[in-house]
Amino acid sequence: MHLDHDLEYLNLAVWFNRKTLHAMLQALVEVGVNVTWKESPEKFHLLVKTTDGQTEWIMQKLNGSYRLHLAGVPVQDSRVAVILYRFVEQAKGHAVVKVSVDDESVLMKYIRYGEAVRIVEIKGAEKKVIYEKSCNVTMDQVIAALKRRDSEERIPVLRLELDYELATLFDALTQEDKTQVKRSTERLKQLRREMLLLEV
């Protein structure tokens, strides 16, 4: 991502755990961004003062996680743009980022679970897909995901399951336990598919 251009987050949704949230706040402070925050049992209010003004980010709290949802937010301060982008990737968040390249062209970058799934260049009335990631999801999985009503509660739990399975895989690789490596790899594939189906 070239951050020497103007960025606008048309839609951003990220679930932070407390550790990742604190890491993001620390990263903002370290680059000289003035941040203040206030926390209540239901919400986390973050006030970010940058070179292009002041914005308030309100995060909903649910099951020990913090949900940041922003729509139509221009980020002209490159320090904030770099850090926000980094933590969207790190926290496996979703975003639609508009990058103004010049007066004539714009890049639209669609990020799902921390990685780009589609990049579209728009020049006047022309649209050109520069990159598109293939997705291996069956129609049955899509229908099952649409029937779920508890995705907001499931996502934080799913992240914990992913972390646990990654730790199990690491131990298995260290101990050269091929059976457990295979089992953990298959489980991680299942969890990843489920994450791809759940929308924030």
C-alpha atoms as a PDB file:
ATOM      1  CA  MET A   1       0.000   0.000   0.000  1.00  0.00           C
ATOM      2  CA  HIS A   2       1.503   3.329  -1.074  1.00  0.00           C
ATOM      3  CA  LEU A   3       0.681   5.751   1.702  1.00  0.00           C
ATOM      4  CA  ASP A   4       2.026   8.902   0.036  1.00  0.00           C
ATOM      5  CA  HIS A   5      -1.449   9.345  -1.517  1.00  0.00           C
ATOM      6  CA  ASP A   6      -4.722  10.399   0.130  1.00  0.00           C
ATOM      7  CA  LEU A   7      -6.559   7.495   1.734  1.00  0.00           C
ATOM      8  CA  GLU A   8     -10.212   7.179   2.584  1.00  0.00           C
ATOM      9  CA  TYR A   9     -11.664   4.267   4.523  1.00  0.00           C
ATOM     10  CA  LEU A  10     -15.092   3.840   2.947  1.00  0.00           C
ATOM     11  CA  ASN A  11     -15.865   0.951   5.253  1.00  0.00           C
ATOM     12  CA  LEU A  12     -13.682  -0.435   8.013  1.00  0.00           C
ATOM     13  CA  ALA A  13     -14.505  -3.116  10.569  1.00  0.00           C
ATOM     14  CA  VAL A  14     -11.925  -4.562  12.937  1.00  0.00           C
ATOM     15  CA  TRP A  15     -12.161  -6.650  16.105  1.00  0.00           C
ATOM     16  CA  PHE A  16      -9.328  -5.881  18.532  1.00  0.00           C
ATOM     17  CA  ASN A  17      -8.428  -7.772  21.661  1.00  0.00           C
ATOM     18  CA  ARG A  18      -7.143  -5.624  24.542  1.00  0.00           C
ATOM     19  CA  LYS A  19      -3.483  -6.354  23.799  1.00  0.00           C
ATOM     20  CA  THR A  20      -3.765  -5.385  20.108  1.00  0.00           C
ATOM     21  CA  LEU A  21      -5.760  -2.253  20.947  1.00  0.00           C
ATOM     22  CA  HIS A  22      -3.098  -1.120  23.420  1.00  0.00           C
ATOM     23  CA  ALA A  23      -0.374  -1.876  20.850  1.00  0.00           C
ATOM     24  CA  MET A  24      -2.172   0.345  18.306  1.00  0.00           C
ATOM     25  CA  LEU A  25      -2.538   3.185  20.841  1.00  0.00           C
ATOM     26  CA  GLN A  26       1.142   2.902  21.733  1.00  0.00           C
ATOM     27  CA  ALA A  27       2.129   2.936  18.044  1.00  0.00           C
ATOM     28  CA  LEU A  28       0.067   6.118  17.478  1.00  0.00           C
ATOM     29  CA  VAL A  29       1.643   7.848  20.496  1.00  0.00           C
ATOM     30  CA  GLU A  30       5.164   6.803  19.435  1.00  0.00           C
ATOM     31  CA  VAL A  31       4.800   8.551  16.051  1.00  0.00           C
ATOM     32  CA  GLY A  32       3.576  11.743  17.730  1.00  0.00           C
ATOM     33  CA  VAL A  33      -0.194  11.446  17.242  1.00  0.00           C
ATOM     34  CA  ASN A  34      -2.162  12.952  20.135  1.00  0.00           C
ATOM     35  CA  VAL A  35      -4.655  10.370  21.415  1.00  0.00           C
ATOM     36  CA  THR A  36      -7.001  10.393  24.403  1.00  0.00           C
ATOM     37  CA  TRP A  37      -9.503   7.746  25.373  1.00  0.00           C
ATOM     38  CA  LYS A  38     -12.329   6.986  27.730  1.00  0.00           C
ATOM     39  CA  GLU A  39     -13.729   3.546  28.487  1.00  0.00           C
ATOM     40  CA  SER A  40     -17.155   2.511  29.734  1.00  0.00           C
ATOM     41  CA  PRO A  41     -18.553  -1.033  30.197  1.00  0.00           C
ATOM     42  CA  GLU A  42     -20.150  -0.905  26.711  1.00  0.00           C
ATOM     43  CA  LYS A  43     -17.857   1.363  24.672  1.00  0.00           C
ATOM     44  CA  PHE A  44     -14.301   2.562  24.161  1.00  0.00           C
ATOM     45  CA  HIS A  45     -14.062   6.190  22.964  1.00  0.00           C
ATOM     46  CA  LEU A  46     -10.819   7.119  21.221  1.00  0.00           C
ATOM     47  CA  LEU A  47     -10.093  10.720  20.214  1.00  0.00           C
ATOM     48  CA  VAL A  48      -7.374  11.000  17.549  1.00  0.00           C
ATOM     49  CA  LYS A  49      -5.903  14.464  16.887  1.00  0.00           C
ATOM     50  CA  THR A  50      -3.947  14.621  13.638  1.00  0.00           C
ATOM     51  CA  THR A  51      -2.596  17.176  11.177  1.00  0.00           C
ATOM     52  CA  ASP A  52      -5.928  17.054   9.319  1.00  0.00           C
ATOM     53  CA  GLY A  53      -8.088  17.618  12.400  1.00  0.00           C
ATOM     54  CA  GLN A  54      -9.688  15.559  15.116  1.00  0.00           C
ATOM     55  CA  THR A  55     -11.737  12.380  14.798  1.00  0.00           C
ATOM     56  CA  GLU A  56     -13.501  10.210  17.326  1.00  0.00           C
ATOM     57  CA  TRP A  57     -13.421   6.452  16.972  1.00  0.00           C
ATOM     58  CA  ILE A  58     -16.081   4.673  19.030  1.00  0.00           C
ATOM     59  CA  MET A  59     -15.588   0.965  19.620  1.00  0.00           C
ATOM     60  CA  GLN A  60     -18.311  -1.384  20.834  1.00  0.00           C
ATOM     61  CA  LYS A  61     -17.244  -3.850  23.514  1.00  0.00           C
ATOM     62  CA  LEU A  62     -18.407  -7.463  23.312  1.00  0.00           C
ATOM     63  CA  ASN A  63     -17.025 -10.519  25.121  1.00  0.00           C
ATOM     64  CA  GLY A  64     -13.710  -8.811  25.861  1.00  0.00           C
ATOM     65  CA  SER A  65     -13.224  -7.622  22.276  1.00  0.00           C
ATOM     66  CA  TYR A  66     -13.432  -4.122  20.813  1.00  0.00           C
ATOM     67  CA  ARG A  67     -15.207  -3.570  17.487  1.00  0.00           C
ATOM     68  CA  LEU A  68     -14.078  -0.544  15.507  1.00  0.00           C
ATOM     69  CA  HIS A  69     -16.386   0.353  12.628  1.00  0.00           C
ATOM     70  CA  LEU A  70     -15.660   3.426  10.512  1.00  0.00           C
ATOM     71  CA  ALA A  71     -17.357   4.551   7.318  1.00  0.00           C
ATOM     72  CA  GLY A  72     -16.350   7.383   5.020  1.00  0.00           C
ATOM     73  CA  VAL A  73     -13.261   8.429   6.998  1.00  0.00           C
ATOM     74  CA  PRO A  74     -10.546  10.332   5.090  1.00  0.00           C
ATOM     75  CA  VAL A  75      -7.073   9.806   6.572  1.00  0.00           C
ATOM     76  CA  GLN A  76      -4.692  12.459   5.297  1.00  0.00           C
ATOM     77  CA  ASP A  77      -2.193  12.113   8.148  1.00  0.00           C
ATOM     78  CA  SER A  78       0.233   9.493   6.787  1.00  0.00           C
ATOM     79  CA  ARG A  79       1.283   8.443  10.316  1.00  0.00           C
ATOM     80  CA  VAL A  80      -2.277   7.414  11.176  1.00  0.00           C
ATOM     81  CA  ALA A  81      -2.808   5.862   7.734  1.00  0.00           C
ATOM     82  CA  VAL A  82       0.265   3.628   8.116  1.00  0.00           C
ATOM     83  CA  ILE A  83      -0.638   2.476  11.634  1.00  0.00           C
ATOM     84  CA  LEU A  84      -4.340   1.951  10.916  1.00  0.00           C
ATOM     85  CA  TYR A  85      -3.514  -0.081   7.822  1.00  0.00           C
ATOM     86  CA  ARG A  86      -0.952  -2.163   9.740  1.00  0.00           C
ATOM     87  CA  PHE A  87      -3.420  -2.999  12.494  1.00  0.00           C
ATOM     88  CA  VAL A  88      -6.224  -3.812  10.042  1.00  0.00           C
ATOM     89  CA  GLU A  89      -3.835  -6.449   8.677  1.00  0.00           C
ATOM     90  CA  GLN A  90      -2.650  -7.598  12.110  1.00  0.00           C
ATOM     91  CA  ALA A  91      -6.145  -7.877  13.622  1.00  0.00           C
ATOM     92  CA  LYS A  92      -7.454  -9.589  10.454  1.00  0.00           C
ATOM     93  CA  GLY A  93      -9.956  -6.797   9.864  1.00  0.00           C
ATOM     94  CA  HIS A  94     -12.097  -5.811   6.893  1.00  0.00           C
ATOM     95  CA  ALA A  95     -11.816  -2.560   4.957  1.00  0.00           C
ATOM     96  CA  VAL A  96     -12.592  -0.855   1.689  1.00  0.00           C
ATOM     97  CA  VAL A  97      -9.821   1.665   1.116  1.00  0.00           C
ATOM     98  CA  LYS A  98      -9.968   4.362  -1.557  1.00  0.00           C
ATOM     99  CA  VAL A  99      -6.529   5.589  -2.639  1.00  0.00           C
ATOM    100  CA  SER A 100      -6.413   8.787  -4.707  1.00  0.00           C
ATOM    101  CA  VAL A 101      -3.446   8.235  -7.036  1.00  0.00           C
ATOM    102  CA  ASP A 102      -3.854  11.438  -9.080  1.00  0.00           C
ATOM    103  CA  ASP A 103      -6.621  13.717 -10.408  1.00  0.00           C
ATOM    104  CA  GLU A 104      -7.757  11.065 -12.885  1.00  0.00           C
ATOM    105  CA  SER A 105      -7.342   7.684 -11.203  1.00  0.00           C
ATOM    106  CA  VAL A 106      -8.376   6.022  -7.958  1.00  0.00           C
ATOM    107  CA  LEU A 107      -7.540   2.602  -6.535  1.00  0.00           C
ATOM    108  CA  MET A 108     -10.171   0.702  -4.551  1.00  0.00           C
ATOM    109  CA  LYS A 109      -8.619  -1.917  -2.273  1.00  0.00           C
ATOM    110  CA  TYR A 110     -10.952  -4.487  -0.696  1.00  0.00           C
ATOM    111  CA  ILE A 111      -9.445  -6.120   2.395  1.00  0.00           C
ATOM    112  CA  ARG A 112     -10.947  -9.202   4.057  1.00  0.00           C
ATOM    113  CA  TYR A 113      -9.459 -10.819   7.150  1.00  0.00           C
ATOM    114  CA  GLY A 114      -6.362  -8.667   6.892  1.00  0.00           C
ATOM    115  CA  GLU A 115      -5.470  -9.362   3.278  1.00  0.00           C
ATOM    116  CA  ALA A 116      -6.367  -7.820  -0.044  1.00  0.00           C
ATOM    117  CA  VAL A 117      -8.967  -9.838  -1.932  1.00  0.00           C
ATOM    118  CA  ARG A 118      -9.547  -7.351  -4.740  1.00  0.00           C
ATOM    119  CA  ILE A 119      -7.924  -4.202  -6.148  1.00  0.00           C
ATOM    120  CA  VAL A 120      -9.755  -2.141  -8.745  1.00  0.00           C
ATOM    121  CA  GLU A 121      -8.368   0.842 -10.662  1.00  0.00           C
ATOM    122  CA  ILE A 122     -10.972   3.459 -11.592  1.00  0.00           C
ATOM    123  CA  LYS A 123     -10.074   6.015 -14.254  1.00  0.00           C
ATOM    124  CA  GLY A 124     -13.014   8.180 -15.264  1.00  0.00           C
ATOM    125  CA  ALA A 125     -15.786   5.792 -16.336  1.00  0.00           C
ATOM    126  CA  GLU A 126     -13.364   2.866 -16.787  1.00  0.00           C
ATOM    127  CA  LYS A 127     -12.905   0.141 -14.175  1.00  0.00           C
ATOM    128  CA  LYS A 128     -10.068  -2.350 -14.316  1.00  0.00           C
ATOM    129  CA  VAL A 129      -9.553  -5.241 -11.881  1.00  0.00           C
ATOM    130  CA  ILE A 130      -5.830  -5.314 -11.090  1.00  0.00           C
ATOM    131  CA  TYR A 131      -5.949  -8.163  -8.579  1.00  0.00           C
ATOM    132  CA  GLU A 132      -8.547 -10.660  -7.396  1.00  0.00           C
ATOM    133  CA  LYS A 133      -7.996 -13.473  -4.922  1.00  0.00           C
ATOM    134  CA  SER A 134      -9.740 -16.737  -5.622  1.00  0.00           C
ATOM    135  CA  CYS A 135     -12.002 -18.150  -2.910  1.00  0.00           C
ATOM    136  CA  ASN A 136     -12.731 -21.847  -2.369  1.00  0.00           C
ATOM    137  CA  VAL A 137     -16.109 -21.733  -0.630  1.00  0.00           C
ATOM    138  CA  THR A 138     -19.036 -24.017  -1.489  1.00  0.00           C
ATOM    139  CA  MET A 139     -22.666 -22.914  -1.839  1.00  0.00           C
ATOM    140  CA  ASP A 140     -23.611 -25.089   1.177  1.00  0.00           C
ATOM    141  CA  GLN A 141     -21.098 -23.179   3.304  1.00  0.00           C
ATOM    142  CA  VAL A 142     -22.518 -19.836   2.129  1.00  0.00           C
ATOM    143  CA  ILE A 143     -26.088 -20.932   2.984  1.00  0.00           C
ATOM    144  CA  ALA A 144     -24.961 -22.189   6.403  1.00  0.00           C
ATOM    145  CA  ALA A 145     -23.253 -18.857   7.093  1.00  0.00           C
ATOM    146  CA  LEU A 146     -26.347 -16.889   6.036  1.00  0.00           C
ATOM    147  CA  LYS A 147     -28.472 -18.908   8.478  1.00  0.00           C
ATOM    148  CA  ARG A 148     -26.168 -18.010  11.378  1.00  0.00           C
ATOM    149  CA  ARG A 149     -27.353 -15.080  13.471  1.00  0.00           C
ATOM    150  CA  ASP A 150     -24.571 -15.103  16.008  1.00  0.00           C
ATOM    151  CA  SER A 151     -21.598 -14.085  13.831  1.00  0.00           C
ATOM    152  CA  GLU A 152     -20.631 -11.120  16.044  1.00  0.00           C
ATOM    153  CA  GLU A 153     -20.409 -13.439  19.060  1.00  0.00           C
ATOM    154  CA  ARG A 154     -18.725 -16.217  17.065  1.00  0.00           C
ATOM    155  CA  ILE A 155     -15.859 -14.185  15.577  1.00  0.00           C
ATOM    156  CA  PRO A 156     -13.970 -13.496  18.863  1.00  0.00           C
ATOM    157  CA  VAL A 157     -14.361 -17.160  19.878  1.00  0.00           C
ATOM    158  CA  LEU A 158     -13.198 -18.271  16.445  1.00  0.00           C
ATOM    159  CA  ARG A 159     -10.079 -16.107  16.791  1.00  0.00           C
ATOM    160  CA  LEU A 160      -9.260 -17.796  20.093  1.00  0.00           C
ATOM    161  CA  GLU A 161      -9.717 -21.203  18.454  1.00  0.00           C
ATOM    162  CA  LEU A 162      -7.374 -20.141  15.642  1.00  0.00           C
ATOM    163  CA  ASP A 163      -4.748 -18.940  18.147  1.00  0.00           C
ATOM    164  CA  TYR A 164      -5.010 -22.199  20.103  1.00  0.00           C
ATOM    165  CA  GLU A 165      -4.727 -24.327  16.967  1.00  0.00           C
ATOM    166  CA  LEU A 166      -1.741 -22.299  15.739  1.00  0.00           C
ATOM    167  CA  ALA A 167      -0.017 -22.852  19.098  1.00  0.00           C
ATOM    168  CA  THR A 168      -0.797 -26.582  18.861  1.00  0.00           C
ATOM    169  CA  LEU A 169       0.638 -26.660  15.337  1.00  0.00           C
ATOM    170  CA  PHE A 170       3.795 -24.870  16.488  1.00  0.00           C
ATOM    171  CA  ASP A 171       4.293 -27.425  19.297  1.00  0.00           C
ATOM    172  CA  ALA A 172       3.705 -30.297  16.871  1.00  0.00           C
ATOM    173  CA  LEU A 173       6.239 -28.875  14.396  1.00  0.00           C
ATOM    174  CA  THR A 174       8.773 -28.418  17.196  1.00  0.00           C
ATOM    175  CA  GLN A 175       8.286 -32.012  18.366  1.00  0.00           C
ATOM    176  CA  GLU A 176       8.094 -33.298  14.758  1.00  0.00           C
ATOM    177  CA  ASP A 177       4.707 -34.909  15.465  1.00  0.00           C
ATOM    178  CA  LYS A 178       3.525 -35.459  11.872  1.00  0.00           C
ATOM    179  CA  THR A 179       0.094 -36.787  12.880  1.00  0.00           C
ATOM    180  CA  GLN A 180      -0.699 -33.712  14.969  1.00  0.00           C
ATOM    181  CA  VAL A 181       0.709 -31.407  12.267  1.00  0.00           C
ATOM    182  CA  LYS A 182      -1.719 -32.930   9.757  1.00  0.00           C
ATOM    183  CA  ARG A 183      -4.636 -32.752  12.232  1.00  0.00           C
ATOM    184  CA  SER A 184      -3.909 -29.106  13.132  1.00  0.00           C
ATOM    185  CA  THR A 185      -3.459 -28.120   9.484  1.00  0.00           C
ATOM    186  CA  GLU A 186      -6.866 -29.578   8.584  1.00  0.00           C
ATOM    187  CA  ARG A 187      -8.499 -27.872  11.578  1.00  0.00           C
ATOM    188  CA  LEU A 188      -6.935 -24.532  10.620  1.00  0.00           C
ATOM    189  CA  LYS A 189      -8.310 -24.911   7.089  1.00  0.00           C
ATOM    190  CA  GLN A 190     -11.811 -25.471   8.514  1.00  0.00           C
ATOM    191  CA  LEU A 191     -11.514 -22.464  10.847  1.00  0.00           C
ATOM    192  CA  ARG A 192     -10.223 -20.271   8.020  1.00  0.00           C
ATOM    193  CA  ARG A 193     -13.178 -21.270   5.814  1.00  0.00           C
ATOM    194  CA  GLU A 194     -15.572 -20.377   8.622  1.00  0.00           C
ATOM    195  CA  MET A 195     -13.862 -16.986   9.070  1.00  0.00           C
ATOM    196  CA  LEU A 196     -14.240 -16.310   5.355  1.00  0.00           C
ATOM    197  CA  LEU A 197     -17.963 -16.965   5.606  1.00  0.00           C
ATOM    198  CA  LEU A 198     -18.646 -14.736   8.594  1.00  0.00           C
ATOM    199  CA  GLU A 199     -19.218 -11.081   7.825  1.00  0.00           C
ATOM    200  CA  VAL A 200     -18.639  -8.393  10.426  1.00  0.00           C
END
